[in-house]
Amino acid sequence: MAKNPYMVKTEALLREGKAMLDGLRANAEKASAEARSEAQAKIQKLEVRYADVSRRFQQLGAAGVEGVADLKVALEKAWDAFRSDSGWKPLEER
């Protein structure tokens, strides 16, 4: 059975978002102590946002027909919050 295109696209975005967070972590490790502290605080906030997006994606994947529209709206709001806080743009939008 073919995967839902929305889920495939969202899964790819999740991978991109995780890679972006991994890059931020790597850069934070190389920064001075003061910059590292600031970067780690930002990264922690973004990790919370990313976890929310990931959780909502899992919920949507496990959902039946009922409530899918509400789950999609919640997922999109979580993505918007993550992108807004991080300033990140997926490759498809660059």
PDB file of N, CA and C in Angstrom:
ATOM      1  N   MET A   1       0.848  -1.182   0.000  1.00  0.00           N
ATOM      2  CA  MET A   1       0.000   0.000   0.000  1.00  0.00           C
ATOM      3  C   MET A   1       0.890   1.241   0.000  1.00  0.00           C
ATOM      4  N   ALA A   2       0.565   2.199  -0.843  1.00  0.00           N
ATOM      5  CA  ALA A   2       1.354   3.423  -0.977  1.00  0.00           C
ATOM      6  C   ALA A   2       1.151   4.312   0.243  1.00  0.00           C
ATOM      7  N   LYS A   3       2.230   4.999   0.608  1.00  0.00           N
ATOM      8  CA  LYS A   3       2.146   5.926   1.733  1.00  0.00           C
ATOM      9  C   LYS A   3       1.453   7.203   1.308  1.00  0.00           C
ATOM     10  N   ASN A   4       0.823   7.823   2.261  1.00  0.00           N
ATOM     11  CA  ASN A   4       0.170   9.112   2.047  1.00  0.00           C
ATOM     12  C   ASN A   4       1.238  10.155   1.722  1.00  0.00           C
ATOM     13  N   PRO A   5       1.096  10.905   0.607  1.00  0.00           N
ATOM     14  CA  PRO A   5       2.095  11.906   0.223  1.00  0.00           C
ATOM     15  C   PRO A   5       2.344  12.958   1.315  1.00  0.00           C
ATOM     16  N   TYR A   6       1.310  13.335   2.029  1.00  0.00           N
ATOM     17  CA  TYR A   6       1.463  14.314   3.117  1.00  0.00           C
ATOM     18  C   TYR A   6       2.401  13.762   4.191  1.00  0.00           C
ATOM     19  N   MET A   7       2.217  12.490   4.540  1.00  0.00           N
ATOM     20  CA  MET A   7       3.038  11.871   5.573  1.00  0.00           C
ATOM     21  C   MET A   7       4.481  11.702   5.093  1.00  0.00           C
ATOM     22  N   VAL A   8       4.662  11.359   3.832  1.00  0.00           N
ATOM     23  CA  VAL A   8       6.006  11.208   3.271  1.00  0.00           C
ATOM     24  C   VAL A   8       6.729  12.557   3.315  1.00  0.00           C
ATOM     25  N   LYS A   9       6.056  13.612   2.892  1.00  0.00           N
ATOM     26  CA  LYS A   9       6.643  14.953   2.898  1.00  0.00           C
ATOM     27  C   LYS A   9       6.964  15.400   4.327  1.00  0.00           C
ATOM     28  N   THR A  10       6.043  15.172   5.231  1.00  0.00           N
ATOM     29  CA  THR A  10       6.250  15.583   6.618  1.00  0.00           C
ATOM     30  C   THR A  10       7.385  14.801   7.256  1.00  0.00           C
ATOM     31  N   GLU A  11       7.480  13.530   6.938  1.00  0.00           N
ATOM     32  CA  GLU A  11       8.579  12.713   7.461  1.00  0.00           C
ATOM     33  C   GLU A  11       9.928  13.243   6.964  1.00  0.00           C
ATOM     34  N   ALA A  12       9.989  13.660   5.707  1.00  0.00           N
ATOM     35  CA  ALA A  12      11.218  14.244   5.166  1.00  0.00           C
ATOM     36  C   ALA A  12      11.548  15.552   5.881  1.00  0.00           C
ATOM     37  N   LEU A  13      10.530  16.352   6.169  1.00  0.00           N
ATOM     38  CA  LEU A  13      10.748  17.599   6.895  1.00  0.00           C
ATOM     39  C   LEU A  13      11.252  17.322   8.310  1.00  0.00           C
ATOM     40  N   LEU A  14      10.743  16.289   8.935  1.00  0.00           N
ATOM     41  CA  LEU A  14      11.229  15.903  10.265  1.00  0.00           C
ATOM     42  C   LEU A  14      12.715  15.552  10.219  1.00  0.00           C
ATOM     43  N   ARG A  15      13.119  14.816   9.201  1.00  0.00           N
ATOM     44  CA  ARG A  15      14.542  14.474   9.059  1.00  0.00           C
ATOM     45  C   ARG A  15      15.383  15.740   8.869  1.00  0.00           C
ATOM     46  N   GLU A  16      14.906  16.673   8.046  1.00  0.00           N
ATOM     47  CA  GLU A  16      15.623  17.934   7.842  1.00  0.00           C
ATOM     48  C   GLU A  16      15.719  18.729   9.141  1.00  0.00           C
ATOM     49  N   GLY A  17      14.626  18.791   9.868  1.00  0.00           N
ATOM     50  CA  GLY A  17      14.618  19.520  11.128  1.00  0.00           C
ATOM     51  C   GLY A  17      15.587  18.914  12.128  1.00  0.00           C
ATOM     52  N   LYS A  18      15.640  17.591  12.188  1.00  0.00           N
ATOM     53  CA  LYS A  18      16.577  16.916  13.093  1.00  0.00           C
ATOM     54  C   LYS A  18      18.011  17.203  12.675  1.00  0.00           C
ATOM     55  N   ALA A  19      18.279  17.193  11.387  1.00  0.00           N
ATOM     56  CA  ALA A  19      19.632  17.501  10.893  1.00  0.00           C
ATOM     57  C   ALA A  19      20.015  18.933  11.256  1.00  0.00           C
ATOM     58  N   MET A  20      19.068  19.859  11.156  1.00  0.00           N
ATOM     59  CA  MET A  20      19.334  21.242  11.521  1.00  0.00           C
ATOM     60  C   MET A  20      19.688  21.338  13.001  1.00  0.00           C
ATOM     61  N   LEU A  21      18.934  20.637  13.857  1.00  0.00           N
ATOM     62  CA  LEU A  21      19.235  20.626  15.289  1.00  0.00           C
ATOM     63  C   LEU A  21      20.605  20.005  15.568  1.00  0.00           C
ATOM     64  N   ASP A  22      20.931  18.937  14.875  1.00  0.00           N
ATOM     65  CA  ASP A  22      22.245  18.311  15.033  1.00  0.00           C
ATOM     66  C   ASP A  22      23.355  19.289  14.657  1.00  0.00           C
ATOM     67  N   GLY A  23      23.133  20.057  13.593  1.00  0.00           N
ATOM     68  CA  GLY A  23      24.108  21.069  13.186  1.00  0.00           C
ATOM     69  C   GLY A  23      24.265  22.166  14.228  1.00  0.00           C
ATOM     70  N   LEU A  24      23.159  22.589  14.812  1.00  0.00           N
ATOM     71  CA  LEU A  24      23.222  23.596  15.874  1.00  0.00           C
ATOM     72  C   LEU A  24      24.000  23.069  17.077  1.00  0.00           C
ATOM     73  N   ARG A  25      23.767  21.816  17.435  1.00  0.00           N
ATOM     74  CA  ARG A  25      24.493  21.212  18.560  1.00  0.00           C
ATOM     75  C   ARG A  25      25.990  21.176  18.281  1.00  0.00           C
ATOM     76  N   ALA A  26      26.365  20.785  17.071  1.00  0.00           N
ATOM     77  CA  ALA A  26      27.779  20.720  16.698  1.00  0.00           C
ATOM     78  C   ALA A  26      28.413  22.108  16.757  1.00  0.00           C
ATOM     79  N   ASN A  27      27.716  23.107  16.260  1.00  0.00           N
ATOM     80  CA  ASN A  27      28.248  24.472  16.292  1.00  0.00           C
ATOM     81  C   ASN A  27      28.366  24.991  17.718  1.00  0.00           C
ATOM     82  N   ALA A  28      27.412  24.635  18.568  1.00  0.00           N
ATOM     83  CA  ALA A  28      27.435  25.080  19.962  1.00  0.00           C
ATOM     84  C   ALA A  28      28.653  24.513  20.686  1.00  0.00           C
ATOM     85  N   GLU A  29      29.015  23.286  20.368  1.00  0.00           N
ATOM     86  CA  GLU A  29      30.176  22.667  21.003  1.00  0.00           C
ATOM     87  C   GLU A  29      31.472  23.395  20.662  1.00  0.00           C
ATOM     88  N   LYS A  30      31.532  24.018  19.513  1.00  0.00           N
ATOM     89  CA  LYS A  30      32.736  24.719  19.062  1.00  0.00           C
ATOM     90  C   LYS A  30      32.788  26.163  19.551  1.00  0.00           C
ATOM     91  N   ALA A  31      31.696  26.671  20.083  1.00  0.00           N
ATOM     92  CA  ALA A  31      31.591  28.087  20.452  1.00  0.00           C
ATOM     93  C   ALA A  31      32.279  28.356  21.798  1.00  0.00           C
ATOM     94  N   SER A  32      32.507  29.641  22.042  1.00  0.00           N
ATOM     95  CA  SER A  32      33.058  30.057  23.331  1.00  0.00           C
ATOM     96  C   SER A  32      32.064  29.706  24.436  1.00  0.00           C
ATOM     97  N   ALA A  33      32.511  29.757  25.679  1.00  0.00           N
ATOM     98  CA  ALA A  33      31.661  29.358  26.806  1.00  0.00           C
ATOM     99  C   ALA A  33      30.376  30.178  26.859  1.00  0.00           C
ATOM    100  N   GLU A  34      30.474  31.481  26.661  1.00  0.00           N
ATOM    101  CA  GLU A  34      29.281  32.338  26.725  1.00  0.00           C
ATOM    102  C   GLU A  34      28.334  32.036  25.568  1.00  0.00           C
ATOM    103  N   ALA A  35      28.888  31.960  24.375  1.00  0.00           N
ATOM    104  CA  ALA A  35      28.060  31.665  23.199  1.00  0.00           C
ATOM    105  C   ALA A  35      27.472  30.265  23.303  1.00  0.00           C
ATOM    106  N   ARG A  36      28.236  29.333  23.852  1.00  0.00           N
ATOM    107  CA  ARG A  36      27.760  27.958  24.000  1.00  0.00           C
ATOM    108  C   ARG A  36      26.550  27.912  24.931  1.00  0.00           C
ATOM    109  N   SER A  37      26.625  28.649  26.013  1.00  0.00           N
ATOM    110  CA  SER A  37      25.516  28.684  26.969  1.00  0.00           C
ATOM    111  C   SER A  37      24.245  29.224  26.320  1.00  0.00           C
ATOM    112  N   GLU A  38      24.377  30.299  25.565  1.00  0.00           N
ATOM    113  CA  GLU A  38      23.225  30.872  24.861  1.00  0.00           C
ATOM    114  C   GLU A  38      22.681  29.900  23.824  1.00  0.00           C
ATOM    115  N   ALA A  39      23.593  29.284  23.075  1.00  0.00           N
ATOM    116  CA  ALA A  39      23.180  28.348  22.028  1.00  0.00           C
ATOM    117  C   ALA A  39      22.476  27.140  22.634  1.00  0.00           C
ATOM    118  N   GLN A  40      22.988  26.635  23.747  1.00  0.00           N
ATOM    119  CA  GLN A  40      22.372  25.471  24.371  1.00  0.00           C
ATOM    120  C   GLN A  40      20.971  25.790  24.887  1.00  0.00           C
ATOM    121  N   ALA A  41      20.773  27.002  25.384  1.00  0.00           N
ATOM    122  CA  ALA A  41      19.433  27.397  25.829  1.00  0.00           C
ATOM    123  C   ALA A  41      18.468  27.419  24.651  1.00  0.00           C
ATOM    124  N   LYS A  42      18.933  27.962  23.523  1.00  0.00           N
ATOM    125  CA  LYS A  42      18.082  28.005  22.325  1.00  0.00           C
ATOM    126  C   LYS A  42      17.803  26.584  21.817  1.00  0.00           C
ATOM    127  N   ILE A  43      18.829  25.755  21.833  1.00  0.00           N
ATOM    128  CA  ILE A  43      18.683  24.379  21.356  1.00  0.00           C
ATOM    129  C   ILE A  43      17.680  23.622  22.215  1.00  0.00           C
ATOM    130  N   GLN A  44      17.736  23.814  23.526  1.00  0.00           N
ATOM    131  CA  GLN A  44      16.777  23.138  24.405  1.00  0.00           C
ATOM    132  C   GLN A  44      15.344  23.536  24.060  1.00  0.00           C
ATOM    133  N   LYS A  45      15.136  24.819  23.815  1.00  0.00           N
ATOM    134  CA  LYS A  45      13.801  25.295  23.448  1.00  0.00           C
ATOM    135  C   LYS A  45      13.362  24.652  22.127  1.00  0.00           C
ATOM    136  N   LEU A  46      14.279  24.602  21.172  1.00  0.00           N
ATOM    137  CA  LEU A  46      13.951  24.018  19.870  1.00  0.00           C
ATOM    138  C   LEU A  46      13.710  22.513  19.978  1.00  0.00           C
ATOM    139  N   GLU A  47      14.444  21.844  20.853  1.00  0.00           N
ATOM    140  CA  GLU A  47      14.226  20.410  21.030  1.00  0.00           C
ATOM    141  C   GLU A  47      12.832  20.127  21.576  1.00  0.00           C
ATOM    142  N   VAL A  48      12.344  20.991  22.456  1.00  0.00           N
ATOM    143  CA  VAL A  48      10.982  20.836  22.971  1.00  0.00           C
ATOM    144  C   VAL A  48       9.979  21.006  21.831  1.00  0.00           C
ATOM    145  N   ARG A  49      10.198  22.038  20.997  1.00  0.00           N
ATOM    146  CA  ARG A  49       9.299  22.258  19.850  1.00  0.00           C
ATOM    147  C   ARG A  49       9.348  21.075  18.900  1.00  0.00           C
ATOM    148  N   TYR A  50      10.570  20.579  18.613  1.00  0.00           N
ATOM    149  CA  TYR A  50      10.727  19.462  17.691  1.00  0.00           C
ATOM    150  C   TYR A  50      10.037  18.212  18.249  1.00  0.00           C
ATOM    151  N   ALA A  51      10.170  17.975  19.529  1.00  0.00           N
ATOM    152  CA  ALA A  51       9.523  16.810  20.151  1.00  0.00           C
ATOM    153  C   ALA A  51       8.008  16.909  19.998  1.00  0.00           C
ATOM    154  N   ASP A  52       7.474  18.118  20.122  1.00  0.00           N
ATOM    155  CA  ASP A  52       6.035  18.322  19.948  1.00  0.00           C
ATOM    156  C   ASP A  52       5.622  17.987  18.516  1.00  0.00           C
ATOM    157  N   VAL A  53       6.402  18.450  17.551  1.00  0.00           N
ATOM    158  CA  VAL A  53       6.106  18.163  16.144  1.00  0.00           C
ATOM    159  C   VAL A  53       6.166  16.656  15.908  1.00  0.00           C
ATOM    160  N   SER A  54       7.203  16.024  16.409  1.00  0.00           N
ATOM    161  CA  SER A  54       7.382  14.593  16.218  1.00  0.00           C
ATOM    162  C   SER A  54       6.228  13.810  16.852  1.00  0.00           C
ATOM    163  N   ARG A  55       5.830  14.201  18.051  1.00  0.00           N
ATOM    164  CA  ARG A  55       4.723  13.529  18.739  1.00  0.00           C
ATOM    165  C   ARG A  55       3.431  13.659  17.933  1.00  0.00           C
ATOM    166  N   ARG A  56       3.169  14.850  17.430  1.00  0.00           N
ATOM    167  CA  ARG A  56       1.941  15.075  16.653  1.00  0.00           C
ATOM    168  C   ARG A  56       1.975  14.298  15.335  1.00  0.00           C
ATOM    169  N   PHE A  57       3.156  14.175  14.735  1.00  0.00           N
ATOM    170  CA  PHE A  57       3.305  13.391  13.520  1.00  0.00           C
ATOM    171  C   PHE A  57       2.971  11.918  13.812  1.00  0.00           C
ATOM    172  N   GLN A  58       3.485  11.413  14.929  1.00  0.00           N
ATOM    173  CA  GLN A  58       3.203  10.020  15.311  1.00  0.00           C
ATOM    174  C   GLN A  58       1.713   9.818  15.546  1.00  0.00           C
ATOM    175  N   GLN A  59       1.076  10.779  16.212  1.00  0.00           N
ATOM    176  CA  GLN A  59      -0.364  10.686  16.466  1.00  0.00           C
ATOM    177  C   GLN A  59      -1.135  10.639  15.154  1.00  0.00           C
ATOM    178  N   LEU A  60      -0.733  11.479  14.215  1.00  0.00           N
ATOM    179  CA  LEU A  60      -1.414  11.515  12.922  1.00  0.00           C
ATOM    180  C   LEU A  60      -1.234  10.192  12.191  1.00  0.00           C
ATOM    181  N   GLY A  61      -0.026   9.648  12.240  1.00  0.00           N
ATOM    182  CA  GLY A  61       0.234   8.369  11.586  1.00  0.00           C
ATOM    183  C   GLY A  61      -0.564   7.224  12.179  1.00  0.00           C
ATOM    184  N   ALA A  62      -0.833   7.295  13.472  1.00  0.00           N
ATOM    185  CA  ALA A  62      -1.563   6.228  14.150  1.00  0.00           C
ATOM    186  C   ALA A  62      -3.077   6.424  14.106  1.00  0.00           C
ATOM    187  N   ALA A  63      -3.516   7.591  13.687  1.00  0.00           N
ATOM    188  CA  ALA A  63      -4.950   7.917  13.705  1.00  0.00           C
ATOM    189  C   ALA A  63      -5.693   7.172  12.607  1.00  0.00           C
ATOM    190  N   GLY A  64      -6.924   6.920  12.901  1.00  0.00           N
ATOM    191  CA  GLY A  64      -7.817   6.376  11.888  1.00  0.00           C
ATOM    192  C   GLY A  64      -8.389   7.540  11.096  1.00  0.00           C
ATOM    193  N   VAL A  65      -9.546   7.362  10.562  1.00  0.00           N
ATOM    194  CA  VAL A  65     -10.198   8.392   9.770  1.00  0.00           C
ATOM    195  C   VAL A  65     -10.704   9.533  10.643  1.00  0.00           C
ATOM    196  N   GLU A  66     -11.161   9.184  11.833  1.00  0.00           N
ATOM    197  CA  GLU A  66     -11.746  10.182  12.735  1.00  0.00           C
ATOM    198  C   GLU A  66     -10.676  11.133  13.269  1.00  0.00           C
ATOM    199  N   GLY A  67     -10.951  12.415  13.204  1.00  0.00           N
ATOM    200  CA  GLY A  67     -10.091  13.419  13.816  1.00  0.00           C
ATOM    201  C   GLY A  67      -8.820  13.755  13.067  1.00  0.00           C
ATOM    202  N   VAL A  68      -8.655  13.238  11.864  1.00  0.00           N
ATOM    203  CA  VAL A  68      -7.425  13.477  11.106  1.00  0.00           C
ATOM    204  C   VAL A  68      -7.256  14.962  10.806  1.00  0.00           C
ATOM    205  N   ALA A  69      -8.309  15.640  10.458  1.00  0.00           N
ATOM    206  CA  ALA A  69      -8.211  17.069  10.135  1.00  0.00           C
ATOM    207  C   ALA A  69      -7.699  17.854  11.335  1.00  0.00           C
ATOM    208  N   ASP A  70      -8.212  17.562  12.524  1.00  0.00           N
ATOM    209  CA  ASP A  70      -7.758  18.255  13.732  1.00  0.00           C
ATOM    210  C   ASP A  70      -6.297  17.953  14.023  1.00  0.00           C
ATOM    211  N   LEU A  71      -5.886  16.707  13.808  1.00  0.00           N
ATOM    212  CA  LEU A  71      -4.493  16.342  14.033  1.00  0.00           C
ATOM    213  C   LEU A  71      -3.566  17.043  13.043  1.00  0.00           C
ATOM    214  N   LYS A  72      -4.007  17.168  11.798  1.00  0.00           N
ATOM    215  CA  LYS A  72      -3.198  17.880  10.798  1.00  0.00           C
ATOM    216  C   LYS A  72      -3.035  19.348  11.178  1.00  0.00           C
ATOM    217  N   VAL A  73      -4.115  19.969  11.625  1.00  0.00           N
ATOM    218  CA  VAL A  73      -4.054  21.374  12.042  1.00  0.00           C
ATOM    219  C   VAL A  73      -3.086  21.518  13.210  1.00  0.00           C
ATOM    220  N   ALA A  74      -3.165  20.628  14.186  1.00  0.00           N
ATOM    221  CA  ALA A  74      -2.267  20.680  15.341  1.00  0.00           C
ATOM    222  C   ALA A  74      -0.813  20.482  14.917  1.00  0.00           C
ATOM    223  N   LEU A  75      -0.584  19.570  13.980  1.00  0.00           N
ATOM    224  CA  LEU A  75       0.765  19.329  13.473  1.00  0.00           C
ATOM    225  C   LEU A  75       1.292  20.571  12.757  1.00  0.00           C
ATOM    226  N   GLU A  76       0.486  21.166  11.919  1.00  0.00           N
ATOM    227  CA  GLU A  76       0.915  22.372  11.195  1.00  0.00           C
ATOM    228  C   GLU A  76       1.231  23.516  12.159  1.00  0.00           C
ATOM    229  N   LYS A  77       0.441  23.669  13.210  1.00  0.00           N
ATOM    230  CA  LYS A  77       0.712  24.714  14.209  1.00  0.00           C
ATOM    231  C   LYS A  77       2.031  24.439  14.928  1.00  0.00           C
ATOM    232  N   ALA A  78       2.287  23.184  15.244  1.00  0.00           N
ATOM    233  CA  ALA A  78       3.539  22.816  15.897  1.00  0.00           C
ATOM    234  C   ALA A  78       4.724  23.100  14.973  1.00  0.00           C
ATOM    235  N   TRP A  79       4.573  22.790  13.675  1.00  0.00           N
ATOM    236  CA  TRP A  79       5.630  23.083  12.696  1.00  0.00           C
ATOM    237  C   TRP A  79       5.880  24.583  12.630  1.00  0.00           C
ATOM    238  N   ASP A  80       4.817  25.354  12.560  1.00  0.00           N
ATOM    239  CA  ASP A  80       4.961  26.808  12.487  1.00  0.00           C
ATOM    240  C   ASP A  80       5.711  27.353  13.693  1.00  0.00           C
ATOM    241  N   ALA A  81       5.410  26.841  14.873  1.00  0.00           N
ATOM    242  CA  ALA A  81       6.097  27.290  16.091  1.00  0.00           C
ATOM    243  C   ALA A  81       7.578  26.913  16.041  1.00  0.00           C
ATOM    244  N   PHE A  82       7.879  25.703  15.595  1.00  0.00           N
ATOM    245  CA  PHE A  82       9.268  25.252  15.480  1.00  0.00           C
ATOM    246  C   PHE A  82      10.034  26.117  14.485  1.00  0.00           C
ATOM    247  N   ARG A  83       9.436  26.335  13.331  1.00  0.00           N
ATOM    248  CA  ARG A  83      10.100  27.124  12.290  1.00  0.00           C
ATOM    249  C   ARG A  83      10.262  28.579  12.710  1.00  0.00           C
ATOM    250  N   SER A  84       9.283  29.118  13.378  1.00  0.00           N
ATOM    251  CA  SER A  84       9.347  30.503  13.836  1.00  0.00           C
ATOM    252  C   SER A  84      10.462  30.682  14.865  1.00  0.00           C
ATOM    253  N   ASP A  85      10.539  29.772  15.818  1.00  0.00           N
ATOM    254  CA  ASP A  85      11.566  29.871  16.861  1.00  0.00           C
ATOM    255  C   ASP A  85      12.966  29.638  16.326  1.00  0.00           C
ATOM    256  N   SER A  86      13.091  28.774  15.333  1.00  0.00           N
ATOM    257  CA  SER A  86      14.414  28.423  14.815  1.00  0.00           C
ATOM    258  C   SER A  86      14.853  29.291  13.644  1.00  0.00           C
ATOM    259  N   GLY A  87      13.901  29.906  12.957  1.00  0.00           N
ATOM    260  CA  GLY A  87      14.248  30.647  11.742  1.00  0.00           C
ATOM    261  C   GLY A  87      14.592  29.718  10.587  1.00  0.00           C
ATOM    262  N   TRP A  88      14.288  28.444  10.745  1.00  0.00           N
ATOM    263  CA  TRP A  88      14.636  27.418   9.764  1.00  0.00           C
ATOM    264  C   TRP A  88      13.631  27.396   8.629  1.00  0.00           C
ATOM    265  N   LYS A  89      14.174  27.195   7.419  1.00  0.00           N
ATOM    266  CA  LYS A  89      13.318  27.006   6.251  1.00  0.00           C
ATOM    267  C   LYS A  89      13.717  25.685   5.593  1.00  0.00           C
ATOM    268  N   PRO A  90      12.740  24.838   5.331  1.00  0.00           N
ATOM    269  CA  PRO A  90      13.051  23.575   4.658  1.00  0.00           C
ATOM    270  C   PRO A  90      13.683  23.835   3.287  1.00  0.00           C
ATOM    271  N   LEU A  91      14.412  22.844   2.791  1.00  0.00           N
ATOM    272  CA  LEU A  91      15.087  22.993   1.501  1.00  0.00           C
ATOM    273  C   LEU A  91      14.131  23.392   0.390  1.00  0.00           C
ATOM    274  N   GLU A  92      12.914  22.883   0.434  1.00  0.00           N
ATOM    275  CA  GLU A  92      11.941  23.171  -0.634  1.00  0.00           C
ATOM    276  C   GLU A  92      11.518  24.638  -0.656  1.00  0.00           C
ATOM    277  N   GLU A  93      11.756  25.381   0.430  1.00  0.00           N
ATOM    278  CA  GLU A  93      11.354  26.782   0.486  1.00  0.00           C
ATOM    279  C   GLU A  93      12.515  27.745   0.251  1.00  0.00           C
ATOM    280  N   ARG A  94      13.710  27.200   0.103  1.00  0.00           N
ATOM    281  CA  ARG A  94      14.887  28.069  -0.107  1.00  0.00           C
ATOM    282  C   ARG A  94      15.087  28.375  -1.550  1.00  0.00           C
TER     283      ARG A  94
END
